[in-house]
Amino acid sequence: MHGLAVESTGRYFLDAANSRRYEGHTLWHASASYDLDARWRLDLRLRNLTGERYAERADYAFGNYRYFPGAGRTVFVSLGYAIP
């Protein structure tokens, strides 16, 4: 099984006066699973395919912008075995 997913966060205001904005971001993710044989399975997941720099959360307070960075490109690999 293979998959491609998109995750999007739109623009939003950073302060109570609605005078500053975060422009948002779009992330692409991919996944694949392979049955190696009747018992072994390999799963791969790749998050943030393009290595987009983005903020998990952002705000503007006390005269400063604050950005909480999101994760960069991340790979997850798992290997499973089915016990008979």
PDB file of N, CA and C in Angstrom:
ATOM      1  N   MET A   1       0.851  -1.168   0.000  1.00  0.00           N
ATOM      2  CA  MET A   1       0.000   0.000   0.000  1.00  0.00           C
ATOM      3  C   MET A   1       0.901   1.237   0.000  1.00  0.00           C
ATOM      4  N   HIS A   2       0.531   2.237  -0.758  1.00  0.00           N
ATOM      5  CA  HIS A   2       1.290   3.485  -0.843  1.00  0.00           C
ATOM      6  C   HIS A   2       0.320   4.646  -0.636  1.00  0.00           C
ATOM      7  N   GLY A   3       0.832   5.746  -0.103  1.00  0.00           N
ATOM      8  CA  GLY A   3      -0.033   6.892   0.106  1.00  0.00           C
ATOM      9  C   GLY A   3       0.727   8.198   0.051  1.00  0.00           C
ATOM     10  N   LEU A   4       0.014   9.237  -0.323  1.00  0.00           N
ATOM     11  CA  LEU A   4       0.536  10.596  -0.341  1.00  0.00           C
ATOM     12  C   LEU A   4      -0.508  11.468   0.339  1.00  0.00           C
ATOM     13  N   ALA A   5      -0.075  12.299   1.276  1.00  0.00           N
ATOM     14  CA  ALA A   5      -1.013  13.142   2.019  1.00  0.00           C
ATOM     15  C   ALA A   5      -0.507  14.577   2.039  1.00  0.00           C
ATOM     16  N   VAL A   6      -1.446  15.498   2.122  1.00  0.00           N
ATOM     17  CA  VAL A   6      -1.103  16.911   2.236  1.00  0.00           C
ATOM     18  C   VAL A   6      -1.716  17.434   3.532  1.00  0.00           C
ATOM     19  N   GLU A   7      -0.957  18.273   4.238  1.00  0.00           N
ATOM     20  CA  GLU A   7      -1.409  18.896   5.479  1.00  0.00           C
ATOM     21  C   GLU A   7      -1.222  20.395   5.307  1.00  0.00           C
ATOM     22  N   SER A   8      -2.287  21.148   5.483  1.00  0.00           N
ATOM     23  CA  SER A   8      -2.216  22.581   5.231  1.00  0.00           C
ATOM     24  C   SER A   8      -2.733  23.371   6.426  1.00  0.00           C
ATOM     25  N   THR A   9      -1.994  24.395   6.789  1.00  0.00           N
ATOM     26  CA  THR A   9      -2.429  25.358   7.790  1.00  0.00           C
ATOM     27  C   THR A   9      -2.501  26.703   7.090  1.00  0.00           C
ATOM     28  N   GLY A  10      -3.673  27.303   7.106  1.00  0.00           N
ATOM     29  CA  GLY A  10      -3.866  28.576   6.420  1.00  0.00           C
ATOM     30  C   GLY A  10      -3.362  29.760   7.233  1.00  0.00           C
ATOM     31  N   ARG A  11      -3.512  30.932   6.647  1.00  0.00           N
ATOM     32  CA  ARG A  11      -3.092  32.161   7.324  1.00  0.00           C
ATOM     33  C   ARG A  11      -3.913  32.366   8.591  1.00  0.00           C
ATOM     34  N   TYR A  12      -3.279  32.952   9.606  1.00  0.00           N
ATOM     35  CA  TYR A  12      -4.036  33.328  10.800  1.00  0.00           C
ATOM     36  C   TYR A  12      -3.352  34.520  11.468  1.00  0.00           C
ATOM     37  N   PHE A  13      -4.153  35.222  12.265  1.00  0.00           N
ATOM     38  CA  PHE A  13      -3.648  36.409  12.954  1.00  0.00           C
ATOM     39  C   PHE A  13      -2.803  36.010  14.161  1.00  0.00           C
ATOM     40  N   LEU A  14      -1.774  36.803  14.431  1.00  0.00           N
ATOM     41  CA  LEU A  14      -0.846  36.518  15.511  1.00  0.00           C
ATOM     42  C   LEU A  14      -1.114  37.331  16.773  1.00  0.00           C
ATOM     43  N   ASP A  15      -1.940  38.359  16.664  1.00  0.00           N
ATOM     44  CA  ASP A  15      -2.175  39.221  17.817  1.00  0.00           C
ATOM     45  C   ASP A  15      -3.661  39.536  17.953  1.00  0.00           C
ATOM     46  N   ALA A  16      -4.027  40.051  19.119  1.00  0.00           N
ATOM     47  CA  ALA A  16      -5.433  40.354  19.413  1.00  0.00           C
ATOM     48  C   ALA A  16      -5.990  41.457  18.522  1.00  0.00           C
ATOM     49  N   ALA A  17      -5.141  42.361  18.047  1.00  0.00           N
ATOM     50  CA  ALA A  17      -5.586  43.456  17.182  1.00  0.00           C
ATOM     51  C   ALA A  17      -5.757  43.011  15.726  1.00  0.00           C
ATOM     52  N   ASN A  18      -5.408  41.782  15.424  1.00  0.00           N
ATOM     53  CA  ASN A  18      -5.473  41.250  14.049  1.00  0.00           C
ATOM     54  C   ASN A  18      -4.679  42.111  13.061  1.00  0.00           C
ATOM     55  N   SER A  19      -3.506  42.554  13.512  1.00  0.00           N
ATOM     56  CA  SER A  19      -2.676  43.397  12.647  1.00  0.00           C
ATOM     57  C   SER A  19      -1.446  42.667  12.097  1.00  0.00           C
ATOM     58  N   ARG A  20      -1.159  41.498  12.620  1.00  0.00           N
ATOM     59  CA  ARG A  20      -0.011  40.708  12.153  1.00  0.00           C
ATOM     60  C   ARG A  20      -0.489  39.289  11.825  1.00  0.00           C
ATOM     61  N   ARG A  21       0.094  38.730  10.752  1.00  0.00           N
ATOM     62  CA  ARG A  21      -0.352  37.408  10.289  1.00  0.00           C
ATOM     63  C   ARG A  21       0.805  36.437  10.139  1.00  0.00           C
ATOM     64  N   TYR A  22       0.460  35.163  10.317  1.00  0.00           N
ATOM     65  CA  TYR A  22       1.326  34.061   9.891  1.00  0.00           C
ATOM     66  C   TYR A  22       0.747  33.608   8.564  1.00  0.00           C
ATOM     67  N   GLU A  23       1.583  33.434   7.559  1.00  0.00           N
ATOM     68  CA  GLU A  23       1.087  33.156   6.203  1.00  0.00           C
ATOM     69  C   GLU A  23       0.667  31.709   5.971  1.00  0.00           C
ATOM     70  N   GLY A  24       0.926  30.845   6.922  1.00  0.00           N
ATOM     71  CA  GLY A  24       0.523  29.451   6.774  1.00  0.00           C
ATOM     72  C   GLY A  24       1.583  28.615   6.077  1.00  0.00           C
ATOM     73  N   HIS A  25       1.297  27.323   5.949  1.00  0.00           N
ATOM     74  CA  HIS A  25       2.241  26.416   5.311  1.00  0.00           C
ATOM     75  C   HIS A  25       1.501  25.189   4.789  1.00  0.00           C
ATOM     76  N   THR A  26       2.154  24.476   3.900  1.00  0.00           N
ATOM     77  CA  THR A  26       1.631  23.224   3.355  1.00  0.00           C
ATOM     78  C   THR A  26       2.738  22.180   3.430  1.00  0.00           C
ATOM     79  N   LEU A  27       2.408  21.039   3.992  1.00  0.00           N
ATOM     80  CA  LEU A  27       3.369  19.944   4.132  1.00  0.00           C
ATOM     81  C   LEU A  27       2.879  18.735   3.345  1.00  0.00           C
ATOM     82  N   TRP A  28       3.804  18.008   2.767  1.00  0.00           N
ATOM     83  CA  TRP A  28       3.501  16.777   2.036  1.00  0.00           C
ATOM     84  C   TRP A  28       4.131  15.598   2.773  1.00  0.00           C
ATOM     85  N   HIS A  29       3.371  14.495   2.861  1.00  0.00           N
ATOM     86  CA  HIS A  29       3.826  13.295   3.543  1.00  0.00           C
ATOM     87  C   HIS A  29       3.604  12.098   2.622  1.00  0.00           C
ATOM     88  N   ALA A  30       4.435  11.071   2.774  1.00  0.00           N
ATOM     89  CA  ALA A  30       4.292   9.851   1.972  1.00  0.00           C
ATOM     90  C   ALA A  30       4.440   8.637   2.876  1.00  0.00           C
ATOM     91  N   SER A  31       3.804   7.548   2.467  1.00  0.00           N
ATOM     92  CA  SER A  31       3.934   6.297   3.208  1.00  0.00           C
ATOM     93  C   SER A  31       3.879   5.125   2.246  1.00  0.00           C
ATOM     94  N   ALA A  32       4.496   4.028   2.665  1.00  0.00           N
ATOM     95  CA  ALA A  32       4.479   2.804   1.856  1.00  0.00           C
ATOM     96  C   ALA A  32       4.632   1.609   2.783  1.00  0.00           C
ATOM     97  N   SER A  33       3.982   0.529   2.425  1.00  0.00           N
ATOM     98  CA  SER A  33       4.081  -0.730   3.168  1.00  0.00           C
ATOM     99  C   SER A  33       4.388  -1.836   2.179  1.00  0.00           C
ATOM    100  N   TYR A  34       5.266  -2.733   2.589  1.00  0.00           N
ATOM    101  CA  TYR A  34       5.656  -3.848   1.724  1.00  0.00           C
ATOM    102  C   TYR A  34       5.586  -5.151   2.511  1.00  0.00           C
ATOM    103  N   ASP A  35       4.889  -6.129   1.982  1.00  0.00           N
ATOM    104  CA  ASP A  35       4.904  -7.464   2.555  1.00  0.00           C
ATOM    105  C   ASP A  35       6.121  -8.168   1.970  1.00  0.00           C
ATOM    106  N   LEU A  36       7.112  -8.422   2.800  1.00  0.00           N
ATOM    107  CA  LEU A  36       8.350  -9.043   2.330  1.00  0.00           C
ATOM    108  C   LEU A  36       8.151 -10.535   2.052  1.00  0.00           C
ATOM    109  N   ASP A  37       7.326 -11.156   2.864  1.00  0.00           N
ATOM    110  CA  ASP A  37       6.874 -12.525   2.632  1.00  0.00           C
ATOM    111  C   ASP A  37       5.611 -12.716   3.468  1.00  0.00           C
ATOM    112  N   ALA A  38       5.233 -13.948   3.752  1.00  0.00           N
ATOM    113  CA  ALA A  38       3.979 -14.196   4.465  1.00  0.00           C
ATOM    114  C   ALA A  38       3.989 -13.648   5.894  1.00  0.00           C
ATOM    115  N   ARG A  39       5.173 -13.472   6.483  1.00  0.00           N
ATOM    116  CA  ARG A  39       5.238 -13.050   7.890  1.00  0.00           C
ATOM    117  C   ARG A  39       5.890 -11.691   8.126  1.00  0.00           C
ATOM    118  N   TRP A  40       6.759 -11.275   7.260  1.00  0.00           N
ATOM    119  CA  TRP A  40       7.499 -10.029   7.460  1.00  0.00           C
ATOM    120  C   TRP A  40       6.865  -8.883   6.676  1.00  0.00           C
ATOM    121  N   ARG A  41       6.810  -7.728   7.324  1.00  0.00           N
ATOM    122  CA  ARG A  41       6.247  -6.533   6.699  1.00  0.00           C
ATOM    123  C   ARG A  41       7.155  -5.337   6.998  1.00  0.00           C
ATOM    124  N   LEU A  42       7.394  -4.511   5.994  1.00  0.00           N
ATOM    125  CA  LEU A  42       8.203  -3.303   6.123  1.00  0.00           C
ATOM    126  C   LEU A  42       7.311  -2.091   5.882  1.00  0.00           C
ATOM    127  N   ASP A  43       7.322  -1.138   6.814  1.00  0.00           N
ATOM    128  CA  ASP A  43       6.538   0.092   6.688  1.00  0.00           C
ATOM    129  C   ASP A  43       7.487   1.286   6.675  1.00  0.00           C
ATOM    130  N   LEU A  44       7.250   2.211   5.760  1.00  0.00           N
ATOM    131  CA  LEU A  44       8.045   3.433   5.637  1.00  0.00           C
ATOM    132  C   LEU A  44       7.108   4.633   5.668  1.00  0.00           C
ATOM    133  N   ARG A  45       7.480   5.648   6.426  1.00  0.00           N
ATOM    134  CA  ARG A  45       6.731   6.909   6.427  1.00  0.00           C
ATOM    135  C   ARG A  45       7.728   8.047   6.321  1.00  0.00           C
ATOM    136  N   LEU A  46       7.429   8.996   5.477  1.00  0.00           N
ATOM    137  CA  LEU A  46       8.261  10.183   5.308  1.00  0.00           C
ATOM    138  C   LEU A  46       7.369  11.400   5.513  1.00  0.00           C
ATOM    139  N   ARG A  47       7.676  12.171   6.551  1.00  0.00           N
ATOM    140  CA  ARG A  47       6.896  13.384   6.840  1.00  0.00           C
ATOM    141  C   ARG A  47       7.680  14.599   6.375  1.00  0.00           C
ATOM    142  N   ASN A  48       6.960  15.571   5.858  1.00  0.00           N
ATOM    143  CA  ASN A  48       7.549  16.821   5.364  1.00  0.00           C
ATOM    144  C   ASN A  48       8.543  16.525   4.234  1.00  0.00           C
ATOM    145  N   LEU A  49       8.026  15.938   3.180  1.00  0.00           N
ATOM    146  CA  LEU A  49       8.841  15.528   2.028  1.00  0.00           C
ATOM    147  C   LEU A  49       9.777  16.615   1.514  1.00  0.00           C
ATOM    148  N   THR A  50       9.298  17.837   1.454  1.00  0.00           N
ATOM    149  CA  THR A  50      10.077  18.922   0.854  1.00  0.00           C
ATOM    150  C   THR A  50      11.016  19.621   1.837  1.00  0.00           C
ATOM    151  N   GLY A  51      10.969  19.224   3.111  1.00  0.00           N
ATOM    152  CA  GLY A  51      11.820  19.881   4.107  1.00  0.00           C
ATOM    153  C   GLY A  51      11.385  21.317   4.389  1.00  0.00           C
ATOM    154  N   GLU A  52      10.102  21.590   4.223  1.00  0.00           N
ATOM    155  CA  GLU A  52       9.543  22.931   4.441  1.00  0.00           C
ATOM    156  C   GLU A  52       9.854  23.434   5.853  1.00  0.00           C
ATOM    157  N   ARG A  53      10.318  24.685   5.945  1.00  0.00           N
ATOM    158  CA  ARG A  53      10.486  25.322   7.258  1.00  0.00           C
ATOM    159  C   ARG A  53       9.161  25.981   7.609  1.00  0.00           C
ATOM    160  N   TYR A  54       8.625  25.651   8.786  1.00  0.00           N
ATOM    161  CA  TYR A  54       7.300  26.146   9.157  1.00  0.00           C
ATOM    162  C   TYR A  54       7.207  26.281  10.671  1.00  0.00           C
ATOM    163  N   ALA A  55       6.169  26.949  11.111  1.00  0.00           N
ATOM    164  CA  ALA A  55       5.930  27.114  12.547  1.00  0.00           C
ATOM    165  C   ALA A  55       4.769  26.217  12.964  1.00  0.00           C
ATOM    166  N   GLU A  56       4.981  25.402  13.989  1.00  0.00           N
ATOM    167  CA  GLU A  56       3.884  24.627  14.581  1.00  0.00           C
ATOM    168  C   GLU A  56       2.871  25.598  15.171  1.00  0.00           C
ATOM    169  N   ARG A  57       3.400  26.685  15.730  1.00  0.00           N
ATOM    170  CA  ARG A  57       2.566  27.716  16.334  1.00  0.00           C
ATOM    171  C   ARG A  57       3.341  29.018  16.255  1.00  0.00           C
ATOM    172  N   ALA A  58       2.627  30.111  16.103  1.00  0.00           N
ATOM    173  CA  ALA A  58       3.270  31.424  16.047  1.00  0.00           C
ATOM    174  C   ALA A  58       2.369  32.449  16.731  1.00  0.00           C
ATOM    175  N   ASP A  59       2.979  33.479  17.309  1.00  0.00           N
ATOM    176  CA  ASP A  59       2.201  34.574  17.873  1.00  0.00           C
ATOM    177  C   ASP A  59       3.066  35.828  17.937  1.00  0.00           C
ATOM    178  N   TYR A  60       2.427  36.918  18.326  1.00  0.00           N
ATOM    179  CA  TYR A  60       3.117  38.194  18.501  1.00  0.00           C
ATOM    180  C   TYR A  60       2.712  38.712  19.873  1.00  0.00           C
ATOM    181  N   ALA A  61       3.689  38.849  20.777  1.00  0.00           N
ATOM    182  CA  ALA A  61       3.375  39.303  22.134  1.00  0.00           C
ATOM    183  C   ALA A  61       4.538  40.127  22.669  1.00  0.00           C
ATOM    184  N   PHE A  62       4.207  41.144  23.431  1.00  0.00           N
ATOM    185  CA  PHE A  62       5.206  41.996  24.085  1.00  0.00           C
ATOM    186  C   PHE A  62       6.222  42.554  23.093  1.00  0.00           C
ATOM    187  N   GLY A  63       5.739  42.884  21.891  1.00  0.00           N
ATOM    188  CA  GLY A  63       6.582  43.507  20.882  1.00  0.00           C
ATOM    189  C   GLY A  63       7.486  42.559  20.114  1.00  0.00           C
ATOM    190  N   ASN A  64       7.274  41.258  20.266  1.00  0.00           N
ATOM    191  CA  ASN A  64       8.124  40.273  19.595  1.00  0.00           C
ATOM    192  C   ASN A  64       7.306  39.191  18.890  1.00  0.00           C
ATOM    193  N   TYR A  65       7.808  38.782  17.735  1.00  0.00           N
ATOM    194  CA  TYR A  65       7.244  37.615  17.072  1.00  0.00           C
ATOM    195  C   TYR A  65       7.816  36.384  17.745  1.00  0.00           C
ATOM    196  N   ARG A  66       6.978  35.378  17.958  1.00  0.00           N
ATOM    197  CA  ARG A  66       7.457  34.110  18.503  1.00  0.00           C
ATOM    198  C   ARG A  66       7.024  33.002  17.547  1.00  0.00           C
ATOM    199  N   TYR A  67       7.989  32.226  17.111  1.00  0.00           N
ATOM    200  CA  TYR A  67       7.720  31.096  16.223  1.00  0.00           C
ATOM    201  C   TYR A  67       8.214  29.823  16.904  1.00  0.00           C
ATOM    202  N   PHE A  68       7.379  28.812  16.906  1.00  0.00           N
ATOM    203  CA  PHE A  68       7.727  27.523  17.480  1.00  0.00           C
ATOM    204  C   PHE A  68       7.911  26.573  16.304  1.00  0.00           C
ATOM    205  N   PRO A  69       9.167  26.296  15.923  1.00  0.00           N
ATOM    206  CA  PRO A  69       9.429  25.573  14.679  1.00  0.00           C
ATOM    207  C   PRO A  69       8.885  24.149  14.674  1.00  0.00           C
ATOM    208  N   GLY A  70       8.408  23.742  13.507  1.00  0.00           N
ATOM    209  CA  GLY A  70       7.946  22.382  13.299  1.00  0.00           C
ATOM    210  C   GLY A  70       9.101  21.484  12.896  1.00  0.00           C
ATOM    211  N   ALA A  71       8.838  20.205  12.888  1.00  0.00           N
ATOM    212  CA  ALA A  71       9.874  19.219  12.553  1.00  0.00           C
ATOM    213  C   ALA A  71      10.260  19.306  11.081  1.00  0.00           C
ATOM    214  N   GLY A  72      11.523  19.083  10.811  1.00  0.00           N
ATOM    215  CA  GLY A  72      11.995  19.011   9.431  1.00  0.00           C
ATOM    216  C   GLY A  72      11.615  17.667   8.812  1.00  0.00           C
ATOM    217  N   ARG A  73      12.261  17.337   7.729  1.00  0.00           N
ATOM    218  CA  ARG A  73      12.001  16.052   7.073  1.00  0.00           C
ATOM    219  C   ARG A  73      12.315  14.923   8.052  1.00  0.00           C
ATOM    220  N   THR A  74      11.383  13.991   8.205  1.00  0.00           N
ATOM    221  CA  THR A  74      11.534  12.907   9.163  1.00  0.00           C
ATOM    222  C   THR A  74      11.164  11.583   8.512  1.00  0.00           C
ATOM    223  N   VAL A  75      11.970  10.558   8.760  1.00  0.00           N
ATOM    224  CA  VAL A  75      11.728   9.230   8.199  1.00  0.00           C
ATOM    225  C   VAL A  75      11.460   8.252   9.336  1.00  0.00           C
ATOM    226  N   PHE A  76      10.425   7.432   9.171  1.00  0.00           N
ATOM    227  CA  PHE A  76      10.098   6.378  10.127  1.00  0.00           C
ATOM    228  C   PHE A  76      10.132   5.049   9.381  1.00  0.00           C
ATOM    229  N   VAL A  77      10.809   4.077   9.947  1.00  0.00           N
ATOM    230  CA  VAL A  77      10.892   2.736   9.349  1.00  0.00           C
ATOM    231  C   VAL A  77      10.505   1.736  10.432  1.00  0.00           C
ATOM    232  N   SER A  78       9.630   0.803  10.090  1.00  0.00           N
ATOM    233  CA  SER A  78       9.315  -0.272  11.025  1.00  0.00           C
ATOM    234  C   SER A  78       9.302  -1.602  10.304  1.00  0.00           C
ATOM    235  N   LEU A  79       9.705  -2.602  11.038  1.00  0.00           N
ATOM    236  CA  LEU A  79       9.740  -3.959  10.508  1.00  0.00           C
ATOM    237  C   LEU A  79       8.910  -4.828  11.438  1.00  0.00           C
ATOM    238  N   GLY A  80       7.929  -5.516  10.874  1.00  0.00           N
ATOM    239  CA  GLY A  80       7.046  -6.339  11.686  1.00  0.00           C
ATOM    240  C   GLY A  80       7.120  -7.808  11.308  1.00  0.00           C
ATOM    241  N   TYR A  81       6.875  -8.637  12.309  1.00  0.00           N
ATOM    242  CA  TYR A  81       6.870 -10.086  12.094  1.00  0.00           C
ATOM    243  C   TYR A  81       5.595 -10.638  12.714  1.00  0.00           C
ATOM    244  N   ALA A  82       4.851 -11.420  11.953  1.00  0.00           N
ATOM    245  CA  ALA A  82       3.622 -12.043  12.433  1.00  0.00           C
ATOM    246  C   ALA A  82       3.953 -13.417  13.008  1.00  0.00           C
ATOM    247  N   ILE A  83       3.685 -13.610  14.292  1.00  0.00           N
ATOM    248  CA  ILE A  83       3.950 -14.892  14.946  1.00  0.00           C
ATOM    249  C   ILE A  83       2.822 -15.863  14.578  1.00  0.00           C
ATOM    250  N   PRO A  84       3.196 -17.052  14.097  1.00  0.00           N
ATOM    251  CA  PRO A  84       2.153 -18.018  13.689  1.00  0.00           C
ATOM    252  C   PRO A  84       1.385 -18.584  14.870  1.00  0.00           C
TER     253      PRO A  84
END
